[in-house]
Amino acid sequence: MIEKVLKFIEKYHMIVKGDKVIAGISGGADSVFLLFVLLELQKRLGIDIVSVHINHGIRGAAADADEQFVRELCVRHGVESVVYHENVELIAKNRKQSLEEAGRAVRREAFEKALLKYGGTKIAMAHHQNDNAETLLMNLARGAGLKGLGGIRPVNGKVIRPLLCLSRQEIEVYLQEKGCSYCLDETNEGDEYTRNRIRHMVIPVLEEQVNKKAVRHMNEAMERILEQQEYMEVQTDEAFGKCVGLTSGGMLKIQKKEFERQHPAIQKQLVLRCLAEISGSERNISQIHVKAVLSLFRMQCGKRRDLPYGVSAVRNYEGIVLKKSREGKAENREGPDAGFSPRWLNIPGVTDIPERNLKIHCRILENTEGFSVKHVPQKNYTKWFDYDIIKNSLIVRTRQSKDSIVIDRAGKRQKLKSYFINEKIPAEERSKLLLIADSEQIIWILGYRMSSACQITEQTNRVLEIKVTEDKGYVRED
């Protein structure tokens, strides 16, 4: 069984000689097996292993028992370990997230912290084929597009998932045969969560009454879908540049004439991309909403569709306009600058801002170029951002109602109005300040602060450098 995993690791070039692997070890069967796999690789390749365990502070004595089990397991096998204690319930409340979302975020942050502290090169997680199949079924049920049907990637930057070649049953049978103990999480036994209901009620039916290899076949299908998805993303990016424009009010315009030249498959992907851009999330957007937008192209001007996240799609003479409603009204003196037209940034490339006599230069630095945190420029008009964190296209615009910026690593936000007051920026100047943003957040107030959410770390794979220059060509360093 371990040999099967080692071949999978080799296939995707997950681990090489000299790697230092940060391994998520919860104490469950899958993570215990992952540790055994890494121990075998340690013998063969001389890799280093650091175990990371997160005590979420939710399950009381049971969580403490899991923590102790992991500590003893690591001592027994000579593995360096670190334990993080987090109050996930409080974090979820402060961030306005569900417990599941906060738990995932806390785990990700803990792995990144350990990667930086211990000089790690990879983060190994113990997802297996059943996890992947559950993800596929959840996404199918929610009406996901091609992206949601590709499942979990074996390799995503520094994150690797060596057990995606095994089912849960294969892992548990191996541990039983070897007489290896592991922890049981009682929260996985109930049916309160959607994933648990799929695990207990859907997967068994598929395996027992349809095909006993259903989980394996779903994983093989997802591998093929991932390959097709990568190709489709490239084609959609090209179509987006041809078909979509940004209005002065921050709305998206889909040009009908150019849109209808695209293949129907690209049209669907393009609409999904636009909905994600304008709403700031793709989580609750399904193919039903994509079809609703597509149907507008066959209707007369003035017809509209109301969509998730307060987004509406309206048919006009040129095509379709997507806009997001705003809660409340901004004060007139701090509203958007009507004399400035928002525009997408060319990444990589140069974006001209003739209204302000500026140019915005964007370039991407790969980790092969040897950058590190110590190289981050300390200049008002040159900033580095973690490009892998930025999921959507970037625009340069002025202030909108409800804008805020992340001000610390914990994700705390501050409204721009409060920031402007604290910085003693005159009210008449606030609407003129340029902001760089994606569909979810402000990442930089030009000349002032950048978002803490996008700061680079030692584990950053790609840096986006944004540099603002006068039109004359010299860099503003003041």
Protein backbone atom coordinates (compact mmCIF):
# COMPACT_ATOMS: atom_id res chain seq x y z
CA MET A 1 0.00 0.00 0.00
CA ILE A 2 2.78 2.41 0.89
CA GLU A 3 4.53 1.57 -2.38
CA LYS A 4 1.38 2.59 -4.25
CA VAL A 5 1.49 5.99 -2.56
CA LEU A 6 5.20 6.38 -3.25
CA LYS A 7 4.58 5.84 -6.97
CA PHE A 8 1.79 8.46 -6.86
CA ILE A 9 4.17 10.91 -5.17
CA GLU A 10 6.77 10.25 -7.87
CA LYS A 11 4.18 10.69 -10.66
CA TYR A 12 3.38 14.23 -9.52
CA HIS A 13 6.91 15.07 -8.32
CA MET A 14 5.51 15.88 -4.88
CA ILE A 15 8.60 15.26 -2.78
CA VAL A 16 12.29 15.22 -3.65
CA LYS A 17 15.47 14.59 -1.75
CA GLY A 18 16.17 17.27 0.84
CA ASP A 19 12.56 18.44 1.24
CA LYS A 20 11.28 19.48 4.66
CA VAL A 21 7.66 18.43 4.83
CA ILE A 22 5.14 20.10 7.12
CA ALA A 23 2.56 17.35 7.70
CA GLY A 24 -0.95 17.91 9.01
CA ILE A 25 -1.44 15.17 11.63
CA SER A 26 -4.84 15.20 13.30
CA GLY A 27 -4.53 11.71 14.76
CA GLY A 28 -7.18 10.22 12.47
CA ALA A 29 -6.55 7.15 10.34
CA ASP A 30 -5.67 9.05 7.18
CA SER A 31 -3.15 11.39 8.85
CA VAL A 32 -1.52 8.55 10.79
CA PHE A 33 -1.06 6.64 7.54
CA LEU A 34 0.33 9.81 5.92
CA LEU A 35 2.95 9.98 8.68
CA PHE A 36 3.99 6.37 7.99
CA VAL A 37 4.36 7.18 4.29
CA LEU A 38 6.57 10.16 5.08
CA LEU A 39 8.66 8.08 7.49
CA GLU A 40 9.33 5.62 4.68
CA LEU A 41 10.34 8.50 2.41
CA GLN A 42 12.59 9.77 5.18
CA LYS A 43 14.51 6.50 5.02
CA ARG A 44 14.80 6.59 1.24
CA LEU A 45 15.31 10.28 0.50
CA GLY A 46 16.50 11.77 3.76
CA ILE A 47 13.62 14.23 4.00
CA ASP A 48 12.78 16.07 7.22
CA ILE A 49 9.30 15.93 8.76
CA VAL A 50 7.53 18.37 11.06
CA SER A 51 4.12 17.33 12.38
CA VAL A 52 1.51 20.06 12.83
CA HIS A 53 -1.55 19.45 14.99
CA ILE A 54 -4.30 22.01 15.60
CA ASN A 55 -6.46 21.79 18.71
CA HIS A 56 -9.59 23.71 17.70
CA GLY A 57 -10.83 24.12 21.27
CA ILE A 58 -14.24 22.67 20.34
CA ARG A 59 -14.31 19.04 21.46
CA GLY A 60 -12.95 19.51 24.99
CA ALA A 61 -11.36 16.42 26.54
CA ALA A 62 -11.63 14.45 23.28
CA ALA A 63 -9.56 17.08 21.46
CA ASP A 64 -6.98 17.07 24.27
CA ALA A 65 -6.77 13.27 24.00
CA ASP A 66 -6.15 13.54 20.23
CA GLU A 67 -3.42 16.09 20.88
CA GLN A 68 -1.72 13.80 23.39
CA PHE A 69 -1.98 10.85 20.99
CA VAL A 70 -0.24 12.83 18.24
CA ARG A 71 2.49 14.04 20.61
CA GLU A 72 3.24 10.48 21.74
CA LEU A 73 3.11 9.16 18.17
CA CYS A 74 5.69 11.71 17.05
CA VAL A 75 7.96 11.05 20.03
CA ARG A 76 7.79 7.31 19.32
CA HIS A 77 8.93 7.84 15.73
CA GLY A 78 11.37 10.66 16.36
CA VAL A 79 9.37 13.28 14.48
CA GLU A 80 9.51 16.94 15.43
CA SER A 81 6.03 18.20 16.27
CA VAL A 82 4.25 21.46 16.94
CA VAL A 83 0.75 21.98 18.34
CA TYR A 84 -1.36 25.11 17.83
CA HIS A 85 -4.28 25.93 20.12
CA GLU A 86 -7.00 28.02 18.49
CA ASN A 87 -10.46 29.10 19.62
CA VAL A 88 -12.21 28.37 16.35
CA GLU A 89 -15.66 29.29 17.65
CA LEU A 90 -14.47 32.79 18.55
CA ILE A 91 -12.55 33.14 15.28
CA ALA A 92 -15.64 32.08 13.31
CA LYS A 93 -17.71 34.69 15.14
CA ASN A 94 -15.17 37.48 14.61
CA ARG A 95 -14.72 36.66 10.92
CA LYS A 96 -18.43 35.99 10.36
CA GLN A 97 -17.67 32.49 9.05
CA SER A 98 -19.13 29.06 9.69
CA LEU A 99 -17.21 26.73 11.99
CA GLU A 100 -16.16 24.69 8.96
CA GLU A 101 -14.85 27.73 7.08
CA ALA A 102 -13.02 29.08 10.13
CA GLY A 103 -11.55 25.66 10.84
CA ARG A 104 -10.17 25.39 7.31
CA ALA A 105 -8.73 28.89 7.51
CA VAL A 106 -7.10 28.20 10.90
CA ARG A 107 -5.51 25.01 9.61
CA ARG A 108 -4.20 26.76 6.51
CA GLU A 109 -2.73 29.58 8.60
CA ALA A 110 -1.13 27.12 11.01
CA PHE A 111 0.54 25.21 8.17
CA GLU A 112 1.85 28.44 6.66
CA LYS A 113 3.15 29.58 10.04
CA ALA A 114 4.98 26.29 10.55
CA LEU A 115 6.32 26.38 6.99
CA LEU A 116 7.90 29.75 7.70
CA LYS A 117 9.13 28.93 11.21
CA TYR A 118 10.74 25.58 10.37
CA GLY A 119 11.92 26.37 6.85
CA GLY A 120 9.57 23.85 5.26
CA THR A 121 9.36 23.27 1.53
CA LYS A 122 6.07 21.30 1.27
CA ILE A 123 2.79 21.05 3.17
CA ALA A 124 1.41 17.49 3.14
CA MET A 125 -2.29 16.93 3.73
CA ALA A 126 -4.07 13.62 4.17
CA HIS A 127 -7.03 13.96 1.79
CA HIS A 128 -7.90 10.64 0.13
CA GLN A 129 -10.18 9.45 -2.67
CA ASN A 130 -13.32 9.41 -0.53
CA ASP A 131 -12.76 13.06 0.42
CA ASN A 132 -12.41 13.83 -3.27
CA ALA A 133 -15.56 11.89 -4.21
CA GLU A 134 -17.54 13.67 -1.48
CA THR A 135 -16.33 17.01 -2.81
CA LEU A 136 -17.40 16.07 -6.33
CA LEU A 137 -20.89 15.02 -5.23
CA MET A 138 -21.36 18.17 -3.15
CA ASN A 139 -20.35 20.32 -6.10
CA LEU A 140 -22.56 18.38 -8.49
CA ALA A 141 -25.55 18.76 -6.19
CA ARG A 142 -24.94 22.51 -5.94
CA GLY A 143 -24.73 22.93 -9.70
CA ALA A 144 -21.02 23.63 -9.96
CA GLY A 145 -19.26 24.37 -13.21
CA LEU A 146 -16.19 22.69 -14.65
CA LYS A 147 -13.96 24.09 -11.91
CA GLY A 148 -16.00 22.48 -9.16
CA LEU A 149 -16.02 19.11 -10.91
CA GLY A 150 -12.23 18.76 -10.95
CA GLY A 151 -12.11 17.95 -7.26
CA ILE A 152 -9.02 18.32 -5.11
CA ARG A 153 -5.70 18.88 -6.86
CA PRO A 154 -2.86 16.45 -5.99
CA VAL A 155 -0.43 19.39 -6.08
CA ASN A 156 -1.39 23.02 -5.53
CA GLY A 157 1.70 25.18 -5.08
CA LYS A 158 3.53 23.90 -2.01
CA VAL A 159 0.51 21.88 -0.84
CA ILE A 160 0.64 18.18 -1.70
CA ARG A 161 -1.90 15.41 -1.13
CA PRO A 162 -0.08 12.06 -1.43
CA LEU A 163 -3.09 9.92 -0.41
CA LEU A 164 -5.39 10.84 -3.30
CA CYS A 165 -4.56 7.49 -4.85
CA LEU A 166 -6.15 5.57 -1.94
CA SER A 167 -9.66 5.11 -0.60
CA ARG A 168 -10.58 5.49 3.06
CA GLN A 169 -11.18 1.75 3.26
CA GLU A 170 -7.71 0.91 1.92
CA ILE A 171 -6.12 3.15 4.57
CA GLU A 172 -8.15 1.71 7.44
CA VAL A 173 -7.56 -1.90 6.37
CA TYR A 174 -3.81 -1.28 6.21
CA LEU A 175 -3.73 0.20 9.72
CA GLN A 176 -5.82 -2.66 11.10
CA GLU A 177 -3.54 -5.28 9.53
CA LYS A 178 -0.48 -3.55 11.01
CA GLY A 179 -2.14 -3.16 14.40
CA CYS A 180 -1.80 0.63 14.32
CA SER A 181 -4.13 2.71 16.48
CA TYR A 182 -5.64 6.06 15.55
CA CYS A 183 -8.20 8.55 16.87
CA LEU A 184 -11.89 8.70 16.02
CA ASP A 185 -13.53 12.12 15.71
CA GLU A 186 -17.14 11.86 16.86
CA THR A 187 -18.09 14.92 14.79
CA ASN A 188 -17.57 12.75 11.70
CA GLU A 189 -20.19 10.27 12.88
CA GLY A 190 -23.23 12.55 12.98
CA ASP A 191 -25.25 13.77 10.00
CA GLU A 192 -25.45 17.46 10.88
CA TYR A 193 -23.04 18.45 8.10
CA THR A 194 -23.70 17.99 4.39
CA ARG A 195 -20.39 16.20 3.84
CA ASN A 196 -21.23 13.67 6.56
CA ARG A 197 -24.61 12.92 5.00
CA ILE A 198 -22.95 12.24 1.65
CA ARG A 199 -20.35 10.09 3.40
CA HIS A 200 -22.90 7.99 5.30
CA MET A 201 -25.91 7.91 2.98
CA VAL A 202 -24.76 8.43 -0.61
CA ILE A 203 -21.31 6.88 -1.06
CA PRO A 204 -22.33 3.52 0.52
CA VAL A 205 -25.32 3.22 -1.82
CA LEU A 206 -23.12 3.90 -4.85
CA GLU A 207 -20.55 1.34 -3.75
CA GLU A 208 -23.01 -1.35 -2.65
CA GLN A 209 -25.75 -1.00 -5.26
CA VAL A 210 -24.12 0.60 -8.31
CA ASN A 211 -20.41 -0.20 -8.49
CA LYS A 212 -18.04 -1.15 -5.69
CA LYS A 213 -15.32 0.91 -7.43
CA ALA A 214 -17.49 4.03 -7.64
CA VAL A 215 -15.11 6.16 -5.57
CA ARG A 216 -12.11 5.16 -7.68
CA HIS A 217 -13.98 5.83 -10.93
CA MET A 218 -15.08 9.28 -9.72
CA ASN A 219 -11.46 10.13 -8.93
CA GLU A 220 -10.31 8.99 -12.37
CA ALA A 221 -12.99 11.19 -13.95
CA MET A 222 -11.90 14.19 -11.86
CA GLU A 223 -8.31 13.74 -13.01
CA ARG A 224 -9.45 14.02 -16.63
CA ILE A 225 -11.66 17.00 -15.82
CA LEU A 226 -8.73 18.84 -14.22
CA GLU A 227 -6.77 18.55 -17.47
CA GLN A 228 -9.68 19.93 -19.49
CA GLN A 229 -10.29 22.67 -16.93
CA GLU A 230 -6.75 23.99 -17.29
CA TYR A 231 -7.24 24.30 -21.05
CA MET A 232 -10.65 25.94 -20.66
CA GLU A 233 -9.28 28.53 -18.24
CA VAL A 234 -6.77 29.69 -20.82
CA GLN A 235 -9.50 30.02 -23.47
CA THR A 236 -11.85 31.81 -21.05
CA ASP A 237 -9.15 34.33 -20.14
CA GLU A 238 -8.75 35.21 -23.81
CA ALA A 239 -12.52 35.53 -24.30
CA PHE A 240 -12.87 37.68 -21.18
CA GLY A 241 -10.46 40.22 -22.61
CA LYS A 242 -12.45 40.41 -25.87
CA CYS A 243 -16.01 40.39 -24.53
CA VAL A 244 -16.08 42.09 -21.14
CA GLY A 245 -15.68 45.73 -20.16
CA LEU A 246 -15.89 47.70 -16.92
CA THR A 247 -18.12 50.76 -16.54
CA SER A 248 -17.37 53.86 -14.50
CA GLY A 249 -19.79 52.63 -11.84
CA GLY A 250 -17.97 49.34 -11.33
CA MET A 251 -20.41 47.31 -13.45
CA LEU A 252 -19.44 44.60 -15.95
CA LYS A 253 -20.60 44.79 -19.57
CA ILE A 254 -20.76 41.66 -21.73
CA GLN A 255 -20.71 42.72 -25.38
CA LYS A 256 -23.28 40.63 -27.28
CA LYS A 257 -21.65 40.78 -30.70
CA GLU A 258 -18.26 39.45 -29.57
CA PHE A 259 -19.81 37.10 -27.00
CA GLU A 260 -21.85 35.27 -29.65
CA ARG A 261 -18.67 34.51 -31.59
CA GLN A 262 -17.46 32.31 -28.72
CA HIS A 263 -18.08 28.57 -28.43
CA PRO A 264 -21.08 27.75 -26.17
CA ALA A 265 -18.77 26.04 -23.67
CA ILE A 266 -16.65 29.18 -23.42
CA GLN A 267 -19.78 31.34 -23.15
CA LYS A 268 -20.89 29.43 -20.04
CA GLN A 269 -17.44 29.65 -18.45
CA LEU A 270 -17.25 33.35 -19.28
CA VAL A 271 -20.61 34.14 -17.64
CA LEU A 272 -19.58 32.16 -14.56
CA ARG A 273 -16.34 34.12 -14.42
CA CYS A 274 -18.22 37.43 -14.71
CA LEU A 275 -20.67 36.49 -11.95
CA ALA A 276 -17.78 35.56 -9.66
CA GLU A 277 -16.01 38.84 -10.45
CA ILE A 278 -18.99 41.09 -9.79
CA SER A 279 -20.27 39.22 -6.71
CA GLY A 280 -16.90 38.58 -5.09
CA SER A 281 -17.56 34.85 -4.63
CA GLU A 282 -18.33 31.75 -6.66
CA ARG A 283 -19.58 29.69 -3.73
CA ASN A 284 -23.35 30.01 -4.26
CA ILE A 285 -23.33 30.52 -8.01
CA SER A 286 -24.60 27.55 -10.01
CA GLN A 287 -25.39 26.69 -13.61
CA ILE A 288 -28.98 27.82 -12.99
CA HIS A 289 -27.69 31.37 -12.59
CA VAL A 290 -25.45 31.04 -15.63
CA LYS A 291 -28.42 29.91 -17.73
CA ALA A 292 -30.49 32.82 -16.39
CA VAL A 293 -27.91 35.28 -17.69
CA LEU A 294 -27.55 33.48 -21.02
CA SER A 295 -31.33 33.62 -21.55
CA LEU A 296 -31.21 37.42 -21.43
CA PHE A 297 -29.33 37.55 -24.74
CA ARG A 298 -32.55 36.33 -26.42
CA MET A 299 -34.75 38.93 -24.71
CA GLN A 300 -35.61 42.55 -25.34
CA CYS A 301 -33.85 45.49 -23.70
CA GLY A 302 -34.80 46.20 -20.12
CA LYS A 303 -35.33 42.56 -19.08
CA ARG A 304 -33.44 41.56 -15.95
CA ARG A 305 -32.54 38.65 -13.69
CA ASP A 306 -31.86 38.84 -9.95
CA LEU A 307 -28.94 36.66 -8.84
CA PRO A 308 -27.08 35.75 -5.61
CA TYR A 309 -25.07 38.32 -3.63
CA GLY A 310 -27.38 41.16 -4.67
CA VAL A 311 -26.24 40.92 -8.30
CA SER A 312 -28.63 41.77 -11.12
CA ALA A 313 -28.20 41.17 -14.85
CA VAL A 314 -29.90 43.64 -17.19
CA ARG A 315 -30.28 43.42 -20.97
CA ASN A 316 -29.37 46.56 -22.89
CA TYR A 317 -28.74 47.40 -26.55
CA GLU A 318 -25.11 46.29 -26.49
CA GLY A 319 -25.50 43.12 -24.45
CA ILE A 320 -25.80 42.51 -20.72
CA VAL A 321 -24.79 44.63 -17.74
CA LEU A 322 -24.01 42.97 -14.41
CA LYS A 323 -24.17 45.14 -11.31
CA LYS A 324 -24.18 44.59 -7.57
CA SER A 325 -26.55 46.47 -5.30
CA ARG A 326 -25.12 48.42 -2.39
CA GLU A 327 -26.59 48.43 1.08
CA GLY A 328 -27.11 51.98 2.30
CA LYS A 329 -25.90 55.16 0.66
CA ALA A 330 -22.43 56.63 0.85
CA GLU A 331 -22.03 60.23 1.85
CA ASN A 332 -21.77 62.39 -1.25
CA ARG A 333 -18.47 63.89 -0.19
CA GLU A 334 -16.94 60.43 0.08
CA GLY A 335 -18.57 58.75 -2.90
CA PRO A 336 -16.77 57.56 -6.04
CA ASP A 337 -15.05 60.14 -8.21
CA ALA A 338 -17.36 60.58 -11.18
CA GLY A 339 -14.45 61.91 -13.23
CA PHE A 340 -12.46 58.67 -13.00
CA SER A 341 -13.19 55.56 -15.06
CA PRO A 342 -12.28 52.22 -13.42
CA ARG A 343 -10.24 49.85 -15.56
CA TRP A 344 -8.72 46.38 -15.41
CA LEU A 345 -5.00 46.17 -14.75
CA ASN A 346 -2.87 44.50 -17.40
CA ILE A 347 -1.08 41.69 -15.58
CA PRO A 348 1.67 41.50 -16.64
CA GLY A 349 1.89 44.79 -18.47
CA VAL A 350 1.31 48.54 -18.19
CA THR A 351 -2.01 50.29 -17.55
CA ASP A 352 -2.29 53.96 -18.48
CA ILE A 353 -4.16 56.35 -16.18
CA PRO A 354 -4.26 59.55 -18.27
CA GLU A 355 -6.66 61.31 -15.85
CA ARG A 356 -3.89 61.29 -13.24
CA ASN A 357 -0.87 61.32 -15.55
CA LEU A 358 0.18 57.90 -14.20
CA LYS A 359 1.18 54.49 -15.42
CA ILE A 360 0.72 51.28 -13.39
CA HIS A 361 3.35 48.64 -14.15
CA CYS A 362 2.63 45.03 -13.18
CA ARG A 363 5.02 42.10 -13.36
CA ILE A 364 5.04 38.60 -11.89
CA LEU A 365 8.10 37.21 -10.10
CA GLU A 366 8.40 33.44 -9.79
CA ASN A 367 10.01 31.80 -6.75
CA THR A 368 12.81 30.60 -9.03
CA GLU A 369 14.02 34.20 -9.08
CA GLY A 370 15.21 33.92 -5.48
CA PHE A 371 13.04 36.57 -3.83
CA SER A 372 12.32 36.56 -0.10
CA VAL A 373 10.60 38.69 2.53
CA LYS A 374 13.79 40.68 3.04
CA HIS A 375 13.61 41.85 -0.59
CA VAL A 376 10.16 43.47 -0.19
CA PRO A 377 10.47 47.12 -1.34
CA GLN A 378 9.68 49.69 1.34
CA LYS A 379 8.35 52.33 -1.02
CA ASN A 380 5.07 54.19 -1.15
CA TYR A 381 4.52 53.55 -4.86
CA THR A 382 6.07 50.09 -5.33
CA LYS A 383 4.48 47.13 -3.56
CA TRP A 384 4.76 43.34 -3.63
CA PHE A 385 1.71 41.09 -3.24
CA ASP A 386 1.29 37.32 -2.89
CA TYR A 387 -0.15 36.63 -6.35
CA ASP A 388 -1.42 33.15 -5.43
CA ILE A 389 -3.78 34.70 -2.86
CA ILE A 390 -5.32 37.05 -5.44
CA LYS A 391 -8.00 34.93 -7.13
CA ASN A 392 -9.65 37.47 -9.43
CA SER A 393 -8.68 40.17 -11.91
CA LEU A 394 -7.55 43.50 -10.44
CA ILE A 395 -9.02 46.91 -11.17
CA VAL A 396 -7.94 50.42 -10.32
CA ARG A 397 -10.83 52.56 -9.12
CA THR A 398 -11.93 55.10 -6.55
CA ARG A 399 -13.82 54.50 -3.34
CA GLN A 400 -17.18 52.71 -3.17
CA SER A 401 -19.66 52.37 -0.32
CA LYS A 402 -18.73 49.72 2.28
CA ASP A 403 -15.11 49.44 1.11
CA SER A 404 -12.75 48.06 3.75
CA ILE A 405 -9.17 46.80 4.00
CA VAL A 406 -7.58 43.95 5.97
CA ILE A 407 -5.27 45.44 8.59
CA ASP A 408 -3.69 42.39 10.28
CA ARG A 409 -2.82 38.74 9.69
CA ALA A 410 -5.87 37.61 11.65
CA GLY A 411 -8.08 39.04 8.91
CA LYS A 412 -9.42 42.02 10.88
CA ARG A 413 -10.94 44.63 8.58
CA GLN A 414 -11.22 48.39 8.87
CA LYS A 415 -13.66 50.49 6.87
CA LEU A 416 -11.93 52.91 4.54
CA LYS A 417 -13.85 55.78 6.10
CA SER A 418 -12.31 54.96 9.49
CA TYR A 419 -8.86 54.57 7.95
CA PHE A 420 -9.12 57.96 6.22
CA ILE A 421 -10.19 59.61 9.46
CA ASN A 422 -7.33 58.00 11.40
CA GLU A 423 -4.84 59.12 8.74
CA LYS A 424 -6.34 62.64 8.80
CA ILE A 425 -7.00 62.58 5.06
CA PRO A 426 -9.25 65.55 4.17
CA ALA A 427 -12.79 64.55 3.22
CA GLU A 428 -12.55 66.29 -0.14
CA GLU A 429 -9.50 64.20 -1.06
CA ARG A 430 -10.89 60.79 -0.12
CA SER A 431 -13.02 60.27 -3.23
CA LYS A 432 -9.99 61.03 -5.43
CA LEU A 433 -7.61 58.46 -3.94
CA LEU A 434 -6.97 55.52 -6.27
CA LEU A 435 -7.50 51.99 -5.01
CA ILE A 436 -6.41 48.66 -6.46
CA ALA A 437 -8.93 45.94 -5.74
CA ASP A 438 -10.18 42.56 -6.81
CA SER A 439 -13.84 41.61 -6.60
CA GLU A 440 -13.52 40.70 -2.92
CA GLN A 441 -11.28 43.30 -1.28
CA ILE A 442 -9.09 46.38 -1.48
CA ILE A 443 -5.48 45.27 -1.79
CA TRP A 444 -3.79 48.69 -1.92
CA ILE A 445 -4.64 52.33 -1.27
CA LEU A 446 -2.13 53.95 -3.61
CA GLY A 447 0.42 55.96 -1.71
CA TYR A 448 -0.78 54.54 1.61
CA ARG A 449 -1.20 51.07 3.03
CA MET A 450 -1.64 47.70 1.37
CA SER A 451 -3.84 44.86 2.59
CA SER A 452 -2.32 42.53 5.18
CA ALA A 453 -4.18 39.67 3.47
CA CYS A 454 -1.88 39.83 0.44
CA GLN A 455 1.52 40.28 2.07
CA ILE A 456 4.18 37.89 0.87
CA THR A 457 5.78 35.29 3.13
CA GLU A 458 8.69 32.90 2.74
CA GLN A 459 6.29 30.32 1.27
CA THR A 460 4.99 32.65 -1.45
CA ASN A 461 5.29 31.06 -4.89
CA ARG A 462 4.56 34.08 -7.09
CA VAL A 463 4.92 37.77 -6.36
CA LEU A 464 2.90 40.44 -8.13
CA GLU A 465 4.91 43.65 -8.22
CA ILE A 466 2.84 46.79 -8.81
CA LYS A 467 4.78 49.97 -9.48
CA VAL A 468 3.21 53.40 -10.08
CA THR A 469 5.12 55.92 -12.16
CA GLU A 470 4.52 59.39 -13.48
CA ASP A 471 3.79 59.46 -17.18
CA LYS A 472 7.23 61.02 -17.66
CA GLY A 473 8.70 57.67 -16.73
CA TYR A 474 10.28 58.17 -13.32
CA VAL A 475 9.12 56.16 -10.32
CA ARG A 476 7.31 57.91 -7.52
CA GLU A 477 9.19 57.10 -4.31
CA ASP A 478 7.79 59.85 -2.05
